[in-house]
């Protein structure tokens, strides 16, 4: 929805931590699809940002980590979500945000998957 994404982004910025967890869970389950559409890719970007540096980032660490690993995918997957997103004009922006927000072991896994692609 061209305007609904603004409502979801607002919830991610100003909503309760419980609501943010639910939204991030929905994003995680649909990450590739959401990343390939202009409006929903904005929501995915906002979720990564909020879960990494937002007001409730510490409380959203598990969700952030789960979201990152979902995209990075299994090292033996020939077509991980990350690759699918890299090849898409909107998904590519999500990959850039992931590079920006990755940390620790996920940063290394992300680097390895990017080099393999």
PDB file of N, CA and C in Angstrom:
ATOM      1  N   UNK A   1       0.861  -1.186   0.000  1.00  0.00           N
ATOM      2  CA  UNK A   1       0.000   0.000   0.000  1.00  0.00           C
ATOM      3  C   UNK A   1       0.896   1.235   0.000  1.00  0.00           C
ATOM      4  N   UNK A   2       0.582   2.167  -0.863  1.00  0.00           N
ATOM      5  CA  UNK A   2       1.416   3.353  -1.000  1.00  0.00           C
ATOM      6  C   UNK A   2       1.463   4.218   0.249  1.00  0.00           C
ATOM      7  N   UNK A   3       0.451   4.142   1.092  1.00  0.00           N
ATOM      8  CA  UNK A   3       0.420   4.991   2.281  1.00  0.00           C
ATOM      9  C   UNK A   3       0.508   4.194   3.574  1.00  0.00           C
ATOM     10  N   UNK A   4       0.083   2.938   3.540  1.00  0.00           N
ATOM     11  CA  UNK A   4       0.128   2.095   4.729  1.00  0.00           C
ATOM     12  C   UNK A   4       1.535   1.906   5.264  1.00  0.00           C
ATOM     13  N   UNK A   5       2.526   1.958   4.376  1.00  0.00           N
ATOM     14  CA  UNK A   5       3.904   1.791   4.820  1.00  0.00           C
ATOM     15  C   UNK A   5       4.309   2.905   5.784  1.00  0.00           C
ATOM     16  N   UNK A   6       3.727   4.091   5.625  1.00  0.00           N
ATOM     17  CA  UNK A   6       4.040   5.191   6.549  1.00  0.00           C
ATOM     18  C   UNK A   6       3.497   4.909   7.941  1.00  0.00           C
ATOM     19  N   UNK A   7       2.338   4.277   8.003  1.00  0.00           N
ATOM     20  CA  UNK A   7       1.745   3.911   9.298  1.00  0.00           C
ATOM     21  C   UNK A   7       2.641   2.891   9.998  1.00  0.00           C
ATOM     22  N   UNK A   8       3.087   1.881   9.243  1.00  0.00           N
ATOM     23  CA  UNK A   8       3.938   0.846   9.835  1.00  0.00           C
ATOM     24  C   UNK A   8       5.277   1.447  10.268  1.00  0.00           C
ATOM     25  N   UNK A   9       5.839   2.319   9.457  1.00  0.00           N
ATOM     26  CA  UNK A   9       7.092   2.974   9.838  1.00  0.00           C
ATOM     27  C   UNK A   9       6.906   3.807  11.111  1.00  0.00           C
ATOM     28  N   UNK A  10       5.784   4.474  11.211  1.00  0.00           N
ATOM     29  CA  UNK A  10       5.486   5.267  12.408  1.00  0.00           C
ATOM     30  C   UNK A  10       5.395   4.354  13.636  1.00  0.00           C
ATOM     31  N   UNK A  11       4.759   3.202  13.472  1.00  0.00           N
ATOM     32  CA  UNK A  11       4.672   2.238  14.577  1.00  0.00           C
ATOM     33  C   UNK A  11       6.064   1.752  14.985  1.00  0.00           C
ATOM     34  N   UNK A  12       6.916   1.527  14.007  1.00  0.00           N
ATOM     35  CA  UNK A  12       8.278   1.088  14.322  1.00  0.00           C
ATOM     36  C   UNK A  12       9.053   2.178  15.064  1.00  0.00           C
ATOM     37  N   UNK A  13       8.799   3.412  14.739  1.00  0.00           N
ATOM     38  CA  UNK A  13       9.502   4.509  15.401  1.00  0.00           C
ATOM     39  C   UNK A  13       8.921   4.836  16.772  1.00  0.00           C
ATOM     40  N   UNK A  14       7.595   4.826  16.888  1.00  0.00           N
ATOM     41  CA  UNK A  14       6.957   5.358  18.091  1.00  0.00           C
ATOM     42  C   UNK A  14       6.108   4.360  18.864  1.00  0.00           C
ATOM     43  N   UNK A  15       5.976   3.152  18.349  1.00  0.00           N
ATOM     44  CA  UNK A  15       5.097   2.167  18.968  1.00  0.00           C
ATOM     45  C   UNK A  15       5.702   1.490  20.188  1.00  0.00           C
ATOM     46  N   UNK A  16       4.897   0.626  20.782  1.00  0.00           N
ATOM     47  CA  UNK A  16       5.356  -0.157  21.931  1.00  0.00           C
ATOM     48  C   UNK A  16       6.319  -1.240  21.451  1.00  0.00           C
ATOM     49  N   UNK A  17       7.199  -1.654  22.321  1.00  0.00           N
ATOM     50  CA  UNK A  17       8.180  -2.668  21.957  1.00  0.00           C
ATOM     51  C   UNK A  17       7.499  -3.959  21.512  1.00  0.00           C
ATOM     52  N   UNK A  18       6.376  -4.313  22.124  1.00  0.00           N
ATOM     53  CA  UNK A  18       5.638  -5.523  21.740  1.00  0.00           C
ATOM     54  C   UNK A  18       5.159  -5.429  20.294  1.00  0.00           C
ATOM     55  N   UNK A  19       4.681  -4.254  19.910  1.00  0.00           N
ATOM     56  CA  UNK A  19       4.212  -4.049  18.535  1.00  0.00           C
ATOM     57  C   UNK A  19       5.378  -4.122  17.551  1.00  0.00           C
ATOM     58  N   UNK A  20       6.507  -3.570  17.939  1.00  0.00           N
ATOM     59  CA  UNK A  20       7.690  -3.605  17.079  1.00  0.00           C
ATOM     60  C   UNK A  20       8.136  -5.041  16.849  1.00  0.00           C
ATOM     61  N   UNK A  21       8.085  -5.854  17.890  1.00  0.00           N
ATOM     62  CA  UNK A  21       8.476  -7.262  17.763  1.00  0.00           C
ATOM     63  C   UNK A  21       7.554  -7.987  16.783  1.00  0.00           C
ATOM     64  N   UNK A  22       6.275  -7.718  16.868  1.00  0.00           N
ATOM     65  CA  UNK A  22       5.311  -8.349  15.958  1.00  0.00           C
ATOM     66  C   UNK A  22       5.584  -7.923  14.516  1.00  0.00           C
ATOM     67  N   UNK A  23       5.790  -6.643  14.311  1.00  0.00           N
ATOM     68  CA  UNK A  23       6.048  -6.123  12.954  1.00  0.00           C
ATOM     69  C   UNK A  23       7.329  -6.729  12.388  1.00  0.00           C
ATOM     70  N   UNK A  24       8.381  -6.766  13.193  1.00  0.00           N
ATOM     71  CA  UNK A  24       9.652  -7.324  12.717  1.00  0.00           C
ATOM     72  C   UNK A  24       9.491  -8.809  12.400  1.00  0.00           C
ATOM     73  N   UNK A  25       8.689  -9.524  13.182  1.00  0.00           N
ATOM     74  CA  UNK A  25       8.421 -10.938  12.907  1.00  0.00           C
ATOM     75  C   UNK A  25       7.736 -11.133  11.565  1.00  0.00           C
ATOM     76  N   UNK A  26       6.773 -10.285  11.261  1.00  0.00           N
ATOM     77  CA  UNK A  26       6.082 -10.359   9.961  1.00  0.00           C
ATOM     78  C   UNK A  26       7.069 -10.049   8.829  1.00  0.00           C
ATOM     79  N   UNK A  27       7.907  -9.063   9.044  1.00  0.00           N
ATOM     80  CA  UNK A  27       8.911  -8.709   8.034  1.00  0.00           C
ATOM     81  C   UNK A  27       9.855  -9.891   7.803  1.00  0.00           C
ATOM     82  N   UNK A  28      10.292 -10.500   8.888  1.00  0.00           N
ATOM     83  CA  UNK A  28      11.227 -11.625   8.759  1.00  0.00           C
ATOM     84  C   UNK A  28      10.635 -12.758   7.920  1.00  0.00           C
ATOM     85  N   UNK A  29       9.384 -13.057   8.138  1.00  0.00           N
ATOM     86  CA  UNK A  29       8.738 -14.152   7.408  1.00  0.00           C
ATOM     87  C   UNK A  29       8.514 -13.830   5.926  1.00  0.00           C
ATOM     88  N   UNK A  30       8.559 -12.555   5.582  1.00  0.00           N
ATOM     89  CA  UNK A  30       8.282 -12.124   4.195  1.00  0.00           C
ATOM     90  C   UNK A  30       9.397 -11.246   3.636  1.00  0.00           C
ATOM     91  N   UNK A  31      10.597 -11.415   4.140  1.00  0.00           N
ATOM     92  CA  UNK A  31      11.677 -10.469   3.872  1.00  0.00           C
ATOM     93  C   UNK A  31      11.980 -10.283   2.386  1.00  0.00           C
ATOM     94  N   UNK A  32      12.050 -11.347   1.626  1.00  0.00           N
ATOM     95  CA  UNK A  32      12.403 -11.203   0.213  1.00  0.00           C
ATOM     96  C   UNK A  32      11.289 -10.482  -0.540  1.00  0.00           C
ATOM     97  N   UNK A  33      10.067 -10.910  -0.318  1.00  0.00           N
ATOM     98  CA  UNK A  33       8.925 -10.278  -0.992  1.00  0.00           C
ATOM     99  C   UNK A  33       8.835  -8.791  -0.639  1.00  0.00           C
ATOM    100  N   UNK A  34       8.930  -8.468   0.657  1.00  0.00           N
ATOM    101  CA  UNK A  34       8.823  -7.072   1.090  1.00  0.00           C
ATOM    102  C   UNK A  34       9.976  -6.224   0.555  1.00  0.00           C
ATOM    103  N   UNK A  35      11.154  -6.817   0.434  1.00  0.00           N
ATOM    104  CA  UNK A  35      12.322  -6.066  -0.016  1.00  0.00           C
ATOM    105  C   UNK A  35      12.276  -5.710  -1.494  1.00  0.00           C
ATOM    106  N   UNK A  36      11.436  -6.389  -2.244  1.00  0.00           N
ATOM    107  CA  UNK A  36      11.386  -6.177  -3.687  1.00  0.00           C
ATOM    108  C   UNK A  36      10.310  -5.187  -4.126  1.00  0.00           C
ATOM    109  N   UNK A  37       9.656  -4.550  -3.195  1.00  0.00           N
ATOM    110  CA  UNK A  37       8.630  -3.560  -3.527  1.00  0.00           C
ATOM    111  C   UNK A  37       9.003  -2.214  -2.924  1.00  0.00           C
ATOM    112  N   UNK A  38       8.784  -1.175  -3.673  1.00  0.00           N
ATOM    113  CA  UNK A  38       9.201   0.160  -3.244  1.00  0.00           C
ATOM    114  C   UNK A  38       8.696   0.524  -1.857  1.00  0.00           C
ATOM    115  N   UNK A  39       7.411   0.423  -1.626  1.00  0.00           N
ATOM    116  CA  UNK A  39       6.841   0.871  -0.349  1.00  0.00           C
ATOM    117  C   UNK A  39       7.236  -0.040   0.799  1.00  0.00           C
ATOM    118  N   UNK A  40       7.100  -1.346   0.617  1.00  0.00           N
ATOM    119  CA  UNK A  40       7.415  -2.245   1.727  1.00  0.00           C
ATOM    120  C   UNK A  40       8.916  -2.312   2.003  1.00  0.00           C
ATOM    121  N   UNK A  41       9.752  -2.034   1.005  1.00  0.00           N
ATOM    122  CA  UNK A  41      11.194  -2.031   1.258  1.00  0.00           C
ATOM    123  C   UNK A  41      11.566  -0.890   2.216  1.00  0.00           C
ATOM    124  N   UNK A  42      10.810   0.192   2.195  1.00  0.00           N
ATOM    125  CA  UNK A  42      11.037   1.281   3.148  1.00  0.00           C
ATOM    126  C   UNK A  42      10.769   0.812   4.581  1.00  0.00           C
ATOM    127  N   UNK A  43       9.775  -0.041   4.733  1.00  0.00           N
ATOM    128  CA  UNK A  43       9.447  -0.590   6.055  1.00  0.00           C
ATOM    129  C   UNK A  43      10.573  -1.515   6.519  1.00  0.00           C
ATOM    130  N   UNK A  44      11.100  -2.326   5.609  1.00  0.00           N
ATOM    131  CA  UNK A  44      12.198  -3.224   5.963  1.00  0.00           C
ATOM    132  C   UNK A  44      13.418  -2.411   6.408  1.00  0.00           C
ATOM    133  N   UNK A  45      13.743  -1.366   5.667  1.00  0.00           N
ATOM    134  CA  UNK A  45      14.864  -0.496   6.046  1.00  0.00           C
ATOM    135  C   UNK A  45      14.645   0.098   7.431  1.00  0.00           C
ATOM    136  N   UNK A  46      13.447   0.580   7.682  1.00  0.00           N
ATOM    137  CA  UNK A  46      13.129   1.187   8.977  1.00  0.00           C
ATOM    138  C   UNK A  46      13.249   0.158  10.093  1.00  0.00           C
ATOM    139  N   UNK A  47      12.798  -1.063   9.852  1.00  0.00           N
ATOM    140  CA  UNK A  47      12.883  -2.118  10.871  1.00  0.00           C
ATOM    141  C   UNK A  47      14.341  -2.401  11.235  1.00  0.00           C
ATOM    142  N   UNK A  48      15.211  -2.482  10.232  1.00  0.00           N
ATOM    143  CA  UNK A  48      16.632  -2.709  10.504  1.00  0.00           C
ATOM    144  C   UNK A  48      17.220  -1.572  11.332  1.00  0.00           C
ATOM    145  N   UNK A  49      16.867  -0.368  10.958  1.00  0.00           N
ATOM    146  CA  UNK A  49      17.366   0.813  11.676  1.00  0.00           C
ATOM    147  C   UNK A  49      16.878   0.827  13.129  1.00  0.00           C
ATOM    148  N   UNK A  50      15.589   0.663  13.319  1.00  0.00           N
ATOM    149  CA  UNK A  50      14.990   0.726  14.649  1.00  0.00           C
ATOM    150  C   UNK A  50      15.523  -0.376  15.557  1.00  0.00           C
ATOM    151  N   UNK A  51      15.686  -1.573  14.991  1.00  0.00           N
ATOM    152  CA  UNK A  51      16.154  -2.702  15.792  1.00  0.00           C
ATOM    153  C   UNK A  51      17.642  -2.605  16.113  1.00  0.00           C
ATOM    154  N   UNK A  52      18.363  -1.747  15.395  1.00  0.00           N
ATOM    155  CA  UNK A  52      19.802  -1.607  15.617  1.00  0.00           C
ATOM    156  C   UNK A  52      20.132  -0.380  16.465  1.00  0.00           C
ATOM    157  N   UNK A  53      19.525   0.752  16.159  1.00  0.00           N
ATOM    158  CA  UNK A  53      19.900   1.992  16.845  1.00  0.00           C
ATOM    159  C   UNK A  53      18.705   2.740  17.428  1.00  0.00           C
ATOM    160  N   UNK A  54      17.533   2.151  17.367  1.00  0.00           N
ATOM    161  CA  UNK A  54      16.340   2.827  17.868  1.00  0.00           C
ATOM    162  C   UNK A  54      16.244   2.819  19.383  1.00  0.00           C
ATOM    163  N   UNK A  55      15.225   3.460  19.857  1.00  0.00           N
ATOM    164  CA  UNK A  55      14.966   3.619  21.298  1.00  0.00           C
ATOM    165  C   UNK A  55      14.914   2.272  22.028  1.00  0.00           C
ATOM    166  N   UNK A  56      14.353   1.253  21.412  1.00  0.00           N
ATOM    167  CA  UNK A  56      14.210  -0.061  22.040  1.00  0.00           C
ATOM    168  C   UNK A  56      15.186  -1.091  21.470  1.00  0.00           C
ATOM    169  N   UNK A  57      16.284  -0.636  20.884  1.00  0.00           N
ATOM    170  CA  UNK A  57      17.219  -1.543  20.208  1.00  0.00           C
ATOM    171  C   UNK A  57      17.682  -2.693  21.105  1.00  0.00           C
ATOM    172  N   UNK A  58      17.980  -2.409  22.347  1.00  0.00           N
ATOM    173  CA  UNK A  58      18.454  -3.461  23.258  1.00  0.00           C
ATOM    174  C   UNK A  58      17.389  -4.542  23.439  1.00  0.00           C
ATOM    175  N   UNK A  59      16.144  -4.131  23.505  1.00  0.00           N
ATOM    176  CA  UNK A  59      15.037  -5.083  23.691  1.00  0.00           C
ATOM    177  C   UNK A  59      14.696  -5.821  22.394  1.00  0.00           C
ATOM    178  N   UNK A  60      15.171  -5.312  21.282  1.00  0.00           N
ATOM    179  CA  UNK A  60      14.877  -5.908  19.978  1.00  0.00           C
ATOM    180  C   UNK A  60      16.079  -6.664  19.400  1.00  0.00           C
ATOM    181  N   UNK A  61      17.097  -6.874  20.204  1.00  0.00           N
ATOM    182  CA  UNK A  61      18.326  -7.520  19.706  1.00  0.00           C
ATOM    183  C   UNK A  61      18.053  -8.894  19.108  1.00  0.00           C
ATOM    184  N   UNK A  62      17.254  -9.714  19.766  1.00  0.00           N
ATOM    185  CA  UNK A  62      16.960 -11.051  19.234  1.00  0.00           C
ATOM    186  C   UNK A  62      16.259 -10.961  17.886  1.00  0.00           C
ATOM    187  N   UNK A  63      15.312 -10.039  17.759  1.00  0.00           N
ATOM    188  CA  UNK A  63      14.586  -9.863  16.497  1.00  0.00           C
ATOM    189  C   UNK A  63      15.527  -9.358  15.398  1.00  0.00           C
ATOM    190  N   UNK A  64      16.387  -8.417  15.750  1.00  0.00           N
ATOM    191  CA  UNK A  64      17.346  -7.871  14.781  1.00  0.00           C
ATOM    192  C   UNK A  64      18.279  -8.971  14.285  1.00  0.00           C
ATOM    193  N   UNK A  65      18.814  -9.740  15.201  1.00  0.00           N
ATOM    194  CA  UNK A  65      19.736 -10.812  14.855  1.00  0.00           C
ATOM    195  C   UNK A  65      19.041 -11.863  13.990  1.00  0.00           C
ATOM    196  N   UNK A  66      17.841 -12.234  14.352  1.00  0.00           N
ATOM    197  CA  UNK A  66      17.077 -13.221  13.602  1.00  0.00           C
ATOM    198  C   UNK A  66      16.788 -12.721  12.186  1.00  0.00           C
ATOM    199  N   UNK A  67      16.445 -11.458  12.063  1.00  0.00           N
ATOM    200  CA  UNK A  67      16.172 -10.847  10.758  1.00  0.00           C
ATOM    201  C   UNK A  67      17.432 -10.872   9.886  1.00  0.00           C
ATOM    202  N   UNK A  68      18.553 -10.512  10.454  1.00  0.00           N
ATOM    203  CA  UNK A  68      19.814 -10.495   9.704  1.00  0.00           C
ATOM    204  C   UNK A  68      20.181 -11.900   9.217  1.00  0.00           C
ATOM    205  N   UNK A  69      20.107 -12.882  10.116  1.00  0.00           N
ATOM    206  CA  UNK A  69      20.488 -14.237   9.731  1.00  0.00           C
ATOM    207  C   UNK A  69      19.511 -14.834   8.718  1.00  0.00           C
ATOM    208  N   UNK A  70      18.271 -14.439   8.793  1.00  0.00           N
ATOM    209  CA  UNK A  70      17.269 -14.901   7.817  1.00  0.00           C
ATOM    210  C   UNK A  70      17.667 -14.450   6.415  1.00  0.00           C
ATOM    211  N   UNK A  71      18.120 -13.215   6.297  1.00  0.00           N
ATOM    212  CA  UNK A  71      18.513 -12.679   4.991  1.00  0.00           C
ATOM    213  C   UNK A  71      19.836 -13.279   4.534  1.00  0.00           C
ATOM    214  N   UNK A  72      20.800 -13.355   5.425  1.00  0.00           N
ATOM    215  CA  UNK A  72      22.120 -13.884   5.064  1.00  0.00           C
ATOM    216  C   UNK A  72      21.986 -15.313   4.574  1.00  0.00           C
ATOM    217  N   UNK A  73      21.137 -16.082   5.224  1.00  0.00           N
ATOM    218  CA  UNK A  73      20.864 -17.444   4.787  1.00  0.00           C
ATOM    219  C   UNK A  73      21.947 -18.426   5.170  1.00  0.00           C
ATOM    220  N   UNK A  74      21.719 -19.659   4.802  1.00  0.00           N
ATOM    221  CA  UNK A  74      22.643 -20.754   5.078  1.00  0.00           C
ATOM    222  C   UNK A  74      23.824 -20.651   4.111  1.00  0.00           C
ATOM    223  N   UNK A  75      25.040 -20.870   4.609  1.00  0.00           N
ATOM    224  CA  UNK A  75      26.212 -20.770   3.728  1.00  0.00           C
ATOM    225  C   UNK A  75      26.171 -21.738   2.541  1.00  0.00           C
ATOM    226  N   UNK A  76      25.414 -22.826   2.650  1.00  0.00           N
ATOM    227  CA  UNK A  76      25.362 -23.820   1.585  1.00  0.00           C
ATOM    228  C   UNK A  76      24.166 -23.634   0.651  1.00  0.00           C
ATOM    229  N   UNK A  77      23.352 -22.621   0.917  1.00  0.00           N
ATOM    230  CA  UNK A  77      22.186 -22.346   0.075  1.00  0.00           C
ATOM    231  C   UNK A  77      22.669 -21.721  -1.233  1.00  0.00           C
ATOM    232  N   UNK A  78      22.366 -22.333  -2.388  1.00  0.00           N
ATOM    233  CA  UNK A  78      22.825 -21.780  -3.660  1.00  0.00           C
ATOM    234  C   UNK A  78      22.125 -20.469  -4.045  1.00  0.00           C
ATOM    235  N   UNK A  79      20.976 -20.184  -3.434  1.00  0.00           N
ATOM    236  CA  UNK A  79      20.247 -18.953  -3.757  1.00  0.00           C
ATOM    237  C   UNK A  79      19.663 -18.340  -2.476  1.00  0.00           C
ATOM    238  N   UNK A  80      20.544 -17.852  -1.593  1.00  0.00           N
ATOM    239  CA  UNK A  80      20.052 -17.311  -0.327  1.00  0.00           C
ATOM    240  C   UNK A  80      19.241 -16.032  -0.540  1.00  0.00           C
ATOM    241  N   UNK A  81      18.410 -15.689   0.440  1.00  0.00           N
ATOM    242  CA  UNK A  81      17.641 -14.446   0.332  1.00  0.00           C
ATOM    243  C   UNK A  81      18.528 -13.247  -0.005  1.00  0.00           C
ATOM    244  N   UNK A  82      19.714 -13.205   0.556  1.00  0.00           N
ATOM    245  CA  UNK A  82      20.630 -12.094   0.302  1.00  0.00           C
ATOM    246  C   UNK A  82      20.894 -11.918  -1.186  1.00  0.00           C
ATOM    247  N   UNK A  83      21.157 -13.003  -1.891  1.00  0.00           N
ATOM    248  CA  UNK A  83      21.445 -12.922  -3.331  1.00  0.00           C
ATOM    249  C   UNK A  83      20.215 -12.435  -4.098  1.00  0.00           C
ATOM    250  N   UNK A  84      19.051 -12.964  -3.725  1.00  0.00           N
ATOM    251  CA  UNK A  84      17.819 -12.540  -4.389  1.00  0.00           C
ATOM    252  C   UNK A  84      17.605 -11.041  -4.211  1.00  0.00           C
ATOM    253  N   UNK A  85      17.921 -10.541  -3.028  1.00  0.00           N
ATOM    254  CA  UNK A  85      17.731  -9.122  -2.743  1.00  0.00           C
ATOM    255  C   UNK A  85      18.774  -8.252  -3.446  1.00  0.00           C
ATOM    256  N   UNK A  86      20.009  -8.757  -3.532  1.00  0.00           N
ATOM    257  CA  UNK A  86      21.078  -8.004  -4.196  1.00  0.00           C
ATOM    258  C   UNK A  86      20.733  -7.722  -5.651  1.00  0.00           C
ATOM    259  N   UNK A  87      20.039  -8.650  -6.271  1.00  0.00           N
ATOM    260  CA  UNK A  87      19.739  -8.542  -7.693  1.00  0.00           C
ATOM    261  C   UNK A  87      18.479  -7.733  -7.988  1.00  0.00           C
ATOM    262  N   UNK A  88      17.863  -7.197  -6.950  1.00  0.00           N
ATOM    263  CA  UNK A  88      16.638  -6.423  -7.118  1.00  0.00           C
ATOM    264  C   UNK A  88      16.914  -4.942  -6.875  1.00  0.00           C
ATOM    265  N   UNK A  89      16.260  -4.081  -7.626  1.00  0.00           N
ATOM    266  CA  UNK A  89      16.526  -2.642  -7.510  1.00  0.00           C
ATOM    267  C   UNK A  89      16.163  -2.074  -6.147  1.00  0.00           C
ATOM    268  N   UNK A  90      15.145  -2.609  -5.473  1.00  0.00           N
ATOM    269  CA  UNK A  90      14.795  -2.124  -4.138  1.00  0.00           C
ATOM    270  C   UNK A  90      15.489  -2.956  -3.063  1.00  0.00           C
ATOM    271  N   UNK A  91      15.597  -4.252  -3.300  1.00  0.00           N
ATOM    272  CA  UNK A  91      16.255  -5.138  -2.348  1.00  0.00           C
ATOM    273  C   UNK A  91      17.703  -4.750  -2.125  1.00  0.00           C
ATOM    274  N   UNK A  92      18.327  -4.211  -3.152  1.00  0.00           N
ATOM    275  CA  UNK A  92      19.719  -3.791  -3.050  1.00  0.00           C
ATOM    276  C   UNK A  92      19.901  -2.738  -1.951  1.00  0.00           C
ATOM    277  N   UNK A  93      18.928  -1.873  -1.767  1.00  0.00           N
ATOM    278  CA  UNK A  93      19.014  -0.870  -0.699  1.00  0.00           C
ATOM    279  C   UNK A  93      18.983  -1.531   0.674  1.00  0.00           C
ATOM    280  N   UNK A  94      18.225  -2.606   0.804  1.00  0.00           N
ATOM    281  CA  UNK A  94      18.157  -3.336   2.073  1.00  0.00           C
ATOM    282  C   UNK A  94      19.517  -3.953   2.369  1.00  0.00           C
ATOM    283  N   UNK A  95      20.150  -4.515   1.359  1.00  0.00           N
ATOM    284  CA  UNK A  95      21.479  -5.105   1.543  1.00  0.00           C
ATOM    285  C   UNK A  95      22.465  -4.026   2.006  1.00  0.00           C
ATOM    286  N   UNK A  96      22.369  -2.849   1.454  1.00  0.00           N
ATOM    287  CA  UNK A  96      23.246  -1.750   1.879  1.00  0.00           C
ATOM    288  C   UNK A  96      23.015  -1.412   3.353  1.00  0.00           C
ATOM    289  N   UNK A  97      21.753  -1.395   3.786  1.00  0.00           N
ATOM    290  CA  UNK A  97      21.440  -1.127   5.201  1.00  0.00           C
ATOM    291  C   UNK A  97      21.975  -2.239   6.095  1.00  0.00           C
ATOM    292  N   UNK A  98      21.903  -3.479   5.589  1.00  0.00           N
ATOM    293  CA  UNK A  98      22.419  -4.603   6.366  1.00  0.00           C
ATOM    294  C   UNK A  98      23.921  -4.467   6.580  1.00  0.00           C
ATOM    295  N   UNK A  99      24.628  -4.065   5.548  1.00  0.00           N
ATOM    296  CA  UNK A  99      26.072  -3.851   5.670  1.00  0.00           C
ATOM    297  C   UNK A  99      26.331  -2.791   6.739  1.00  0.00           C
ATOM    298  N   UNK A 100      25.545  -1.759   6.700  1.00  0.00           N
ATOM    299  CA  UNK A 100      25.670  -0.656   7.664  1.00  0.00           C
ATOM    300  C   UNK A 100      25.402  -1.110   9.101  1.00  0.00           C
ATOM    301  N   UNK A 101      24.423  -1.995   9.303  1.00  0.00           N
ATOM    302  CA  UNK A 101      23.980  -2.355  10.646  1.00  0.00           C
ATOM    303  C   UNK A 101      24.491  -3.708  11.154  1.00  0.00           C
ATOM    304  N   UNK A 102      25.218  -4.455  10.315  1.00  0.00           N
ATOM    305  CA  UNK A 102      25.713  -5.771  10.738  1.00  0.00           C
ATOM    306  C   UNK A 102      26.770  -5.609  11.827  1.00  0.00           C
ATOM    307  N   UNK A 103      26.853  -6.633  12.691  1.00  0.00           N
ATOM    308  CA  UNK A 103      27.845  -6.616  13.757  1.00  0.00           C
ATOM    309  C   UNK A 103      28.289  -8.031  14.098  1.00  0.00           C
ATOM    310  N   UNK A 104      29.471  -8.129  14.678  1.00  0.00           N
ATOM    311  CA  UNK A 104      29.988  -9.407  15.163  1.00  0.00           C
ATOM    312  C   UNK A 104      30.005 -10.503  14.115  1.00  0.00           C
ATOM    313  N   UNK A 105      29.605 -11.719  14.534  1.00  0.00           N
ATOM    314  CA  UNK A 105      29.652 -12.873  13.618  1.00  0.00           C
ATOM    315  C   UNK A 105      28.767 -12.694  12.381  1.00  0.00           C
ATOM    316  N   UNK A 106      27.665 -11.967  12.517  1.00  0.00           N
ATOM    317  CA  UNK A 106      26.791 -11.781  11.357  1.00  0.00           C
ATOM    318  C   UNK A 106      27.476 -10.919  10.305  1.00  0.00           C
ATOM    319  N   UNK A 107      28.326 -10.005  10.734  1.00  0.00           N
ATOM    320  CA  UNK A 107      29.070  -9.170   9.779  1.00  0.00           C
ATOM    321  C   UNK A 107      29.988 -10.051   8.934  1.00  0.00           C
ATOM    322  N   UNK A 108      30.638 -11.007   9.584  1.00  0.00           N
ATOM    323  CA  UNK A 108      31.533 -11.921   8.871  1.00  0.00           C
ATOM    324  C   UNK A 108      30.742 -12.821   7.919  1.00  0.00           C
ATOM    325  N   UNK A 109      29.613 -13.365   8.370  1.00  0.00           N
ATOM    326  CA  UNK A 109      28.777 -14.207   7.500  1.00  0.00           C
ATOM    327  C   UNK A 109      28.250 -13.409   6.318  1.00  0.00           C
ATOM    328  N   UNK A 110      27.867 -12.169   6.575  1.00  0.00           N
ATOM    329  CA  UNK A 110      27.388 -11.298   5.506  1.00  0.00           C
ATOM    330  C   UNK A 110      28.500 -11.063   4.489  1.00  0.00           C
ATOM    331  N   UNK A 111      29.693 -10.782   4.970  1.00  0.00           N
ATOM    332  CA  UNK A 111      30.839 -10.562   4.079  1.00  0.00           C
ATOM    333  C   UNK A 111      31.099 -11.798   3.220  1.00  0.00           C
ATOM    334  N   UNK A 112      31.061 -12.963   3.837  1.00  0.00           N
ATOM    335  CA  UNK A 112      31.303 -14.205   3.110  1.00  0.00           C
ATOM    336  C   UNK A 112      30.236 -14.437   2.033  1.00  0.00           C
ATOM    337  N   UNK A 113      28.984 -14.211   2.385  1.00  0.00           N
ATOM    338  CA  UNK A 113      27.903 -14.410   1.399  1.00  0.00           C
ATOM    339  C   UNK A 113      28.008 -13.396   0.253  1.00  0.00           C
ATOM    340  N   UNK A 114      28.386 -12.173   0.573  1.00  0.00           N
ATOM    341  CA  UNK A 114      28.519 -11.158  -0.476  1.00  0.00           C
ATOM    342  C   UNK A 114      29.659 -11.514  -1.425  1.00  0.00           C
ATOM    343  N   UNK A 115      30.746 -12.014  -0.875  1.00  0.00           N
ATOM    344  CA  UNK A 115      31.883 -12.391  -1.724  1.00  0.00           C
ATOM    345  C   UNK A 115      31.552 -13.609  -2.578  1.00  0.00           C
ATOM    346  N   UNK A 116      30.732 -14.513  -2.056  1.00  0.00           N
ATOM    347  CA  UNK A 116      30.358 -15.727  -2.797  1.00  0.00           C
ATOM    348  C   UNK A 116      29.401 -15.415  -3.943  1.00  0.00           C
ATOM    349  N   UNK A 117      28.726 -14.274  -3.855  1.00  0.00           N
ATOM    350  CA  UNK A 117      27.700 -13.942  -4.861  1.00  0.00           C
ATOM    351  C   UNK A 117      28.272 -13.367  -6.123  1.00  0.00           C
TER     352      UNK A 117
END
